[in-house]
PDB file of N, CA and C in Angstrom:
ATOM      1  N   MET A   1      -6.934 -10.033 -24.423  1.00  0.00           N
ATOM      2  CA  MET A   1      -6.800 -11.359 -24.995  1.00  0.00           C
ATOM      3  C   MET A   1      -7.147 -11.272 -26.476  1.00  0.00           C
ATOM      4  N   GLN A   2      -6.373 -11.910 -27.300  1.00  0.00           N
ATOM      5  CA  GLN A   2      -6.630 -11.902 -28.730  1.00  0.00           C
ATOM      6  C   GLN A   2      -6.948 -13.311 -29.183  1.00  0.00           C
ATOM      7  N   GLY A   3      -7.784 -13.433 -30.205  1.00  0.00           N
ATOM      8  CA  GLY A   3      -8.139 -14.739 -30.736  1.00  0.00           C
ATOM      9  C   GLY A   3      -9.286 -15.357 -29.974  1.00  0.00           C
ATOM     10  N   LYS A   4      -9.495 -16.658 -30.232  1.00  0.00           N
ATOM     11  CA  LYS A   4     -10.619 -17.352 -29.634  1.00  0.00           C
ATOM     12  C   LYS A   4     -10.231 -18.808 -29.413  1.00  0.00           C
ATOM     13  N   PHE A   5     -10.574 -19.332 -28.253  1.00  0.00           N
ATOM     14  CA  PHE A   5     -10.374 -20.748 -27.971  1.00  0.00           C
ATOM     15  C   PHE A   5     -11.523 -21.545 -28.571  1.00  0.00           C
ATOM     16  N   LEU A   6     -11.288 -22.822 -28.850  1.00  0.00           N
ATOM     17  CA  LEU A   6     -12.364 -23.672 -29.372  1.00  0.00           C
ATOM     18  C   LEU A   6     -13.371 -24.023 -28.284  1.00  0.00           C
ATOM     19  N   VAL A   7     -12.914 -24.071 -27.040  1.00  0.00           N
ATOM     20  CA  VAL A   7     -13.787 -24.286 -25.875  1.00  0.00           C
ATOM     21  C   VAL A   7     -13.398 -23.250 -24.827  1.00  0.00           C
ATOM     22  N   THR A   8     -14.199 -23.117 -23.785  1.00  0.00           N
ATOM     23  CA  THR A   8     -13.903 -22.160 -22.725  1.00  0.00           C
ATOM     24  C   THR A   8     -12.629 -22.567 -21.989  1.00  0.00           C
ATOM     25  N   PRO A   9     -11.648 -21.674 -21.893  1.00  0.00           N
ATOM     26  CA  PRO A   9     -10.371 -22.020 -21.252  1.00  0.00           C
ATOM     27  C   PRO A   9     -10.437 -21.890 -19.732  1.00  0.00           C
ATOM     28  N   SER A  10      -9.426 -22.442 -19.075  1.00  0.00           N
ATOM     29  CA  SER A  10      -9.184 -22.144 -17.673  1.00  0.00           C
ATOM     30  C   SER A  10      -8.388 -20.851 -17.643  1.00  0.00           C
ATOM     31  N   VAL A  11      -8.672 -19.994 -16.681  1.00  0.00           N
ATOM     32  CA  VAL A  11      -7.989 -18.709 -16.618  1.00  0.00           C
ATOM     33  C   VAL A  11      -7.484 -18.482 -15.197  1.00  0.00           C
ATOM     34  N   PHE A  12      -6.206 -18.174 -15.066  1.00  0.00           N
ATOM     35  CA  PHE A  12      -5.602 -17.784 -13.788  1.00  0.00           C
ATOM     36  C   PHE A  12      -5.255 -16.309 -13.872  1.00  0.00           C
ATOM     37  N   VAL A  13      -5.443 -15.598 -12.793  1.00  0.00           N
ATOM     38  CA  VAL A  13      -5.106 -14.181 -12.759  1.00  0.00           C
ATOM     39  C   VAL A  13      -4.444 -13.854 -11.421  1.00  0.00           C
ATOM     40  N   THR A  14      -3.432 -13.004 -11.459  1.00  0.00           N
ATOM     41  CA  THR A  14      -2.777 -12.521 -10.244  1.00  0.00           C
ATOM     42  C   THR A  14      -2.647 -11.006 -10.336  1.00  0.00           C
ATOM     43  N   ALA A  15      -2.588 -10.378  -9.179  1.00  0.00           N
ATOM     44  CA  ALA A  15      -2.401  -8.931  -9.142  1.00  0.00           C
ATOM     45  C   ALA A  15      -1.264  -8.598  -8.198  1.00  0.00           C
ATOM     46  N   ALA A  16      -0.300  -7.853  -8.682  1.00  0.00           N
ATOM     47  CA  ALA A  16       0.759  -7.320  -7.837  1.00  0.00           C
ATOM     48  C   ALA A  16       0.325  -5.920  -7.445  1.00  0.00           C
ATOM     49  N   HIS A  17       0.278  -5.657  -6.160  1.00  0.00           N
ATOM     50  CA  HIS A  17      -0.272  -4.420  -5.629  1.00  0.00           C
ATOM     51  C   HIS A  17       0.740  -3.791  -4.695  1.00  0.00           C
ATOM     52  N   TYR A  18       1.147  -2.580  -4.994  1.00  0.00           N
ATOM     53  CA  TYR A  18       2.158  -1.938  -4.163  1.00  0.00           C
ATOM     54  C   TYR A  18       1.881  -0.448  -4.035  1.00  0.00           C
ATOM     55  N   ARG A  19       1.895   0.008  -2.804  1.00  0.00           N
ATOM     56  CA  ARG A  19       1.832   1.448  -2.523  1.00  0.00           C
ATOM     57  C   ARG A  19       2.825   1.747  -1.424  1.00  0.00           C
ATOM     58  N   ALA A  20       3.780   2.585  -1.701  1.00  0.00           N
ATOM     59  CA  ALA A  20       4.806   2.929  -0.714  1.00  0.00           C
ATOM     60  C   ALA A  20       4.164   3.484   0.545  1.00  0.00           C
ATOM     61  N   GLY A  21       4.630   2.998   1.698  1.00  0.00           N
ATOM     62  CA  GLY A  21       4.133   3.498   2.966  1.00  0.00           C
ATOM     63  C   GLY A  21       2.899   2.797   3.500  1.00  0.00           C
ATOM     64  N   LEU A  22       2.279   1.946   2.711  1.00  0.00           N
ATOM     65  CA  LEU A  22       1.091   1.221   3.182  1.00  0.00           C
ATOM     66  C   LEU A  22       1.412  -0.266   3.264  1.00  0.00           C
ATOM     67  N   LYS A  23       1.405  -0.805   4.470  1.00  0.00           N
ATOM     68  CA  LYS A  23       1.717  -2.215   4.658  1.00  0.00           C
ATOM     69  C   LYS A  23       0.468  -3.088   4.666  1.00  0.00           C
ATOM     70  N   ARG A  24      -0.684  -2.488   4.884  1.00  0.00           N
ATOM     71  CA  ARG A  24      -1.926  -3.267   4.979  1.00  0.00           C
ATOM     72  C   ARG A  24      -2.976  -2.725   4.019  1.00  0.00           C
ATOM     73  N   ASP A  25      -2.655  -2.661   2.777  1.00  0.00           N
ATOM     74  CA  ASP A  25      -3.567  -2.160   1.744  1.00  0.00           C
ATOM     75  C   ASP A  25      -4.012  -3.351   0.896  1.00  0.00           C
ATOM     76  N   ALA A  26      -4.920  -4.162   1.438  1.00  0.00           N
ATOM     77  CA  ALA A  26      -5.311  -5.423   0.813  1.00  0.00           C
ATOM     78  C   ALA A  26      -6.164  -5.219  -0.438  1.00  0.00           C
ATOM     79  N   ALA A  27      -6.050  -6.179  -1.364  1.00  0.00           N
ATOM     80  CA  ALA A  27      -6.845  -6.156  -2.585  1.00  0.00           C
ATOM     81  C   ALA A  27      -7.227  -7.581  -2.962  1.00  0.00           C
ATOM     82  N   SER A  28      -8.354  -7.716  -3.643  1.00  0.00           N
ATOM     83  CA  SER A  28      -8.812  -9.011  -4.153  1.00  0.00           C
ATOM     84  C   SER A  28      -8.899  -8.933  -5.672  1.00  0.00           C
ATOM     85  N   VAL A  29      -8.631 -10.056  -6.319  1.00  0.00           N
ATOM     86  CA  VAL A  29      -8.754 -10.125  -7.773  1.00  0.00           C
ATOM     87  C   VAL A  29      -9.502 -11.411  -8.120  1.00  0.00           C
ATOM     88  N   TRP A  30     -10.411 -11.326  -9.089  1.00  0.00           N
ATOM     89  CA  TRP A  30     -11.152 -12.503  -9.527  1.00  0.00           C
ATOM     90  C   TRP A  30     -11.560 -12.326 -10.988  1.00  0.00           C
ATOM     91  N   ILE A  31     -12.089 -13.396 -11.560  1.00  0.00           N
ATOM     92  CA  ILE A  31     -12.469 -13.406 -12.974  1.00  0.00           C
ATOM     93  C   ILE A  31     -13.962 -13.685 -13.086  1.00  0.00           C
ATOM     94  N   GLU A  32     -14.616 -13.021 -14.009  1.00  0.00           N
ATOM     95  CA  GLU A  32     -16.037 -13.245 -14.273  1.00  0.00           C
ATOM     96  C   GLU A  32     -16.265 -13.402 -15.781  1.00  0.00           C
ATOM     97  N   ASP A  33     -17.371 -14.016 -16.108  1.00  0.00           N
ATOM     98  CA  ASP A  33     -17.850 -14.103 -17.498  1.00  0.00           C
ATOM     99  C   ASP A  33     -16.816 -14.668 -18.466  1.00  0.00           C
ATOM    100  N   VAL A  34     -16.220 -15.793 -18.121  1.00  0.00           N
ATOM    101  CA  VAL A  34     -15.230 -16.431 -18.999  1.00  0.00           C
ATOM    102  C   VAL A  34     -15.960 -17.105 -20.153  1.00  0.00           C
ATOM    103  N   THR A  35     -15.553 -16.776 -21.372  1.00  0.00           N
ATOM    104  CA  THR A  35     -16.104 -17.407 -22.576  1.00  0.00           C
ATOM    105  C   THR A  35     -14.940 -17.854 -23.452  1.00  0.00           C
ATOM    106  N   GLN A  36     -15.254 -18.342 -24.626  1.00  0.00           N
ATOM    107  CA  GLN A  36     -14.219 -18.771 -25.568  1.00  0.00           C
ATOM    108  C   GLN A  36     -13.395 -17.596 -26.092  1.00  0.00           C
ATOM    109  N   SER A  37     -13.933 -16.386 -26.029  1.00  0.00           N
ATOM    110  CA  SER A  37     -13.232 -15.253 -26.630  1.00  0.00           C
ATOM    111  C   SER A  37     -12.983 -14.079 -25.678  1.00  0.00           C
ATOM    112  N   SER A  38     -13.482 -14.158 -24.444  1.00  0.00           N
ATOM    113  CA  SER A  38     -13.265 -13.021 -23.548  1.00  0.00           C
ATOM    114  C   SER A  38     -13.475 -13.411 -22.089  1.00  0.00           C
ATOM    115  N   PHE A  39     -13.072 -12.530 -21.200  1.00  0.00           N
ATOM    116  CA  PHE A  39     -13.329 -12.660 -19.769  1.00  0.00           C
ATOM    117  C   PHE A  39     -13.130 -11.290 -19.140  1.00  0.00           C
ATOM    118  N   LYS A  40     -13.657 -11.121 -17.926  1.00  0.00           N
ATOM    119  CA  LYS A  40     -13.502  -9.877 -17.188  1.00  0.00           C
ATOM    120  C   LYS A  40     -12.619 -10.136 -15.979  1.00  0.00           C
ATOM    121  N   VAL A  41     -11.622  -9.287 -15.786  1.00  0.00           N
ATOM    122  CA  VAL A  41     -10.785  -9.329 -14.593  1.00  0.00           C
ATOM    123  C   VAL A  41     -11.287  -8.227 -13.668  1.00  0.00           C
ATOM    124  N   CYS A  42     -11.630  -8.601 -12.437  1.00  0.00           N
ATOM    125  CA  CYS A  42     -12.161  -7.655 -11.455  1.00  0.00           C
ATOM    126  C   CYS A  42     -11.147  -7.484 -10.329  1.00  0.00           C
ATOM    127  N   LEU A  43     -11.008  -6.270  -9.864  1.00  0.00           N
ATOM    128  CA  LEU A  43     -10.032  -5.951  -8.834  1.00  0.00           C
ATOM    129  C   LEU A  43     -10.691  -5.006  -7.843  1.00  0.00           C
ATOM    130  N   ARG A  44     -10.538  -5.302  -6.543  1.00  0.00           N
ATOM    131  CA  ARG A  44     -11.152  -4.448  -5.534  1.00  0.00           C
ATOM    132  C   ARG A  44     -10.251  -4.368  -4.312  1.00  0.00           C
ATOM    133  N   GLU A  45     -10.116  -3.164  -3.794  1.00  0.00           N
ATOM    134  CA  GLU A  45      -9.380  -2.979  -2.551  1.00  0.00           C
ATOM    135  C   GLU A  45     -10.297  -3.237  -1.364  1.00  0.00           C
ATOM    136  N   LEU A  46      -9.708  -3.652  -0.257  1.00  0.00           N
ATOM    137  CA  LEU A  46     -10.480  -3.877   0.958  1.00  0.00           C
ATOM    138  C   LEU A  46     -11.104  -2.581   1.452  1.00  0.00           C
ATOM    139  N   GLN A  47     -10.338  -1.507   1.411  1.00  0.00           N
ATOM    140  CA  GLN A  47     -10.832  -0.212   1.848  1.00  0.00           C
ATOM    141  C   GLN A  47     -11.562   0.452   0.692  1.00  0.00           C
ATOM    142  N   ASN A  48     -12.753   1.025   0.937  1.00  0.00           N
ATOM    143  CA  ASN A  48     -13.544   1.607  -0.142  1.00  0.00           C
ATOM    144  C   ASN A  48     -12.834   2.731  -0.883  1.00  0.00           C
ATOM    145  N   TYR A  49     -12.187   3.639  -0.181  1.00  0.00           N
ATOM    146  CA  TYR A  49     -11.423   4.678  -0.867  1.00  0.00           C
ATOM    147  C   TYR A  49     -10.166   4.951  -0.058  1.00  0.00           C
ATOM    148  N   ALA A  50      -9.032   4.599  -0.640  1.00  0.00           N
ATOM    149  CA  ALA A  50      -7.752   4.774   0.052  1.00  0.00           C
ATOM    150  C   ALA A  50      -6.897   5.824  -0.649  1.00  0.00           C
ATOM    151  N   GLY A  51      -7.533   6.771  -1.310  1.00  0.00           N
ATOM    152  CA  GLY A  51      -6.790   7.817  -2.005  1.00  0.00           C
ATOM    153  C   GLY A  51      -6.643   7.518  -3.485  1.00  0.00           C
ATOM    154  N   SER A  52      -5.972   8.422  -4.164  1.00  0.00           N
ATOM    155  CA  SER A  52      -5.764   8.304  -5.600  1.00  0.00           C
ATOM    156  C   SER A  52      -4.799   7.162  -5.920  1.00  0.00           C
ATOM    157  N   HIS A  53      -5.051   6.470  -7.030  1.00  0.00           N
ATOM    158  CA  HIS A  53      -4.210   5.352  -7.442  1.00  0.00           C
ATOM    159  C   HIS A  53      -3.767   5.540  -8.886  1.00  0.00           C
ATOM    160  N   ASP A  54      -2.482   5.542  -9.076  1.00  0.00           N
ATOM    161  CA  ASP A  54      -1.906   5.611 -10.418  1.00  0.00           C
ATOM    162  C   ASP A  54      -0.834   4.542 -10.526  1.00  0.00           C
ATOM    163  N   ASP A  55      -1.034   3.590 -11.410  1.00  0.00           N
ATOM    164  CA  ASP A  55      -0.024   2.559 -11.680  1.00  0.00           C
ATOM    165  C   ASP A  55       0.414   1.785 -10.445  1.00  0.00           C
ATOM    166  N   VAL A  56      -0.545   1.385  -9.590  1.00  0.00           N
ATOM    167  CA  VAL A  56      -0.178   0.610  -8.401  1.00  0.00           C
ATOM    168  C   VAL A  56      -0.471  -0.878  -8.576  1.00  0.00           C
ATOM    169  N   TYR A  57      -1.152  -1.264  -9.652  1.00  0.00           N
ATOM    170  CA  TYR A  57      -1.481  -2.667  -9.895  1.00  0.00           C
ATOM    171  C   TYR A  57      -0.825  -3.157 -11.177  1.00  0.00           C
ATOM    172  N   THR A  58      -0.353  -4.378 -11.131  1.00  0.00           N
ATOM    173  CA  THR A  58       0.063  -5.086 -12.327  1.00  0.00           C
ATOM    174  C   THR A  58      -0.727  -6.387 -12.344  1.00  0.00           C
ATOM    175  N   VAL A  59      -1.527  -6.603 -13.358  1.00  0.00           N
ATOM    176  CA  VAL A  59      -2.350  -7.807 -13.455  1.00  0.00           C
ATOM    177  C   VAL A  59      -1.754  -8.725 -14.509  1.00  0.00           C
ATOM    178  N   SER A  60      -1.540  -9.986 -14.123  1.00  0.00           N
ATOM    179  CA  SER A  60      -1.043 -11.003 -15.049  1.00  0.00           C
ATOM    180  C   SER A  60      -2.133 -12.034 -15.282  1.00  0.00           C
ATOM    181  N   VAL A  61      -2.296 -12.435 -16.533  1.00  0.00           N
ATOM    182  CA  VAL A  61      -3.356 -13.382 -16.905  1.00  0.00           C
ATOM    183  C   VAL A  61      -2.738 -14.541 -17.674  1.00  0.00           C
ATOM    184  N   PHE A  62      -3.212 -15.749 -17.358  1.00  0.00           N
ATOM    185  CA  PHE A  62      -2.769 -16.955 -18.043  1.00  0.00           C
ATOM    186  C   PHE A  62      -4.017 -17.759 -18.400  1.00  0.00           C
ATOM    187  N   ALA A  63      -4.344 -17.852 -19.672  1.00  0.00           N
ATOM    188  CA  ALA A  63      -5.503 -18.614 -20.142  1.00  0.00           C
ATOM    189  C   ALA A  63      -5.000 -19.833 -20.902  1.00  0.00           C
ATOM    190  N   PHE A  64      -5.574 -21.003 -20.605  1.00  0.00           N
ATOM    191  CA  PHE A  64      -5.085 -22.233 -21.229  1.00  0.00           C
ATOM    192  C   PHE A  64      -6.193 -23.276 -21.285  1.00  0.00           C
ATOM    193  N   LEU A  65      -5.964 -24.282 -22.101  1.00  0.00           N
ATOM    194  CA  LEU A  65      -6.865 -25.428 -22.185  1.00  0.00           C
ATOM    195  C   LEU A  65      -6.221 -26.588 -21.447  1.00  0.00           C
ATOM    196  N   TYR A  66      -7.000 -27.272 -20.658  1.00  0.00           N
ATOM    197  CA  TYR A  66      -6.499 -28.407 -19.881  1.00  0.00           C
ATOM    198  C   TYR A  66      -7.067 -29.691 -20.443  1.00  0.00           C
ATOM    199  N   SER A  67      -6.201 -30.643 -20.667  1.00  0.00           N
ATOM    200  CA  SER A  67      -6.625 -31.963 -21.119  1.00  0.00           C
ATOM    201  C   SER A  67      -6.095 -32.970 -20.111  1.00  0.00           C
ATOM    202  N   PRO A  68      -6.977 -33.742 -19.473  1.00  0.00           N
ATOM    203  CA  PRO A  68      -6.497 -34.716 -18.489  1.00  0.00           C
ATOM    204  C   PRO A  68      -5.537 -35.711 -19.122  1.00  0.00           C
ATOM    205  N   PRO A  69      -4.562 -36.187 -18.344  1.00  0.00           N
ATOM    206  CA  PRO A  69      -3.619 -37.157 -18.903  1.00  0.00           C
ATOM    207  C   PRO A  69      -4.312 -38.459 -19.296  1.00  0.00           C
ATOM    208  N   ARG A  70      -3.781 -39.093 -20.296  1.00  0.00           N
ATOM    209  CA  ARG A  70      -4.345 -40.388 -20.741  1.00  0.00           C
ATOM    210  C   ARG A  70      -4.004 -41.459 -19.716  1.00  0.00           C
ATOM    211  N   THR A  71      -4.885 -42.424 -19.559  1.00  0.00           N
ATOM    212  CA  THR A  71      -4.670 -43.491 -18.585  1.00  0.00           C
ATOM    213  C   THR A  71      -4.476 -44.849 -19.233  1.00  0.00           C
ATOM    214  N   ASP A  72      -4.309 -44.891 -20.535  1.00  0.00           N
ATOM    215  CA  ASP A  72      -4.136 -46.196 -21.204  1.00  0.00           C
ATOM    216  C   ASP A  72      -2.711 -46.618 -21.319  1.00  0.00           C
TER     217      ASP A  72
END
């Protein structure tokens, strides 16, 4: 992430996870330590060690500021 928000943004993150031949290789993704200028994306597989991993995850991040709609 580059730059800095004026306030802490909302952050959505998704992970595309693919390994040929494995149909049940679950993974979780979450965000920690969100600030105006940074955040941490955490990724963990359900299985503690499922072999070597090279380029099996694609993580997409969307950070934005939300302003509730006006009611007047």
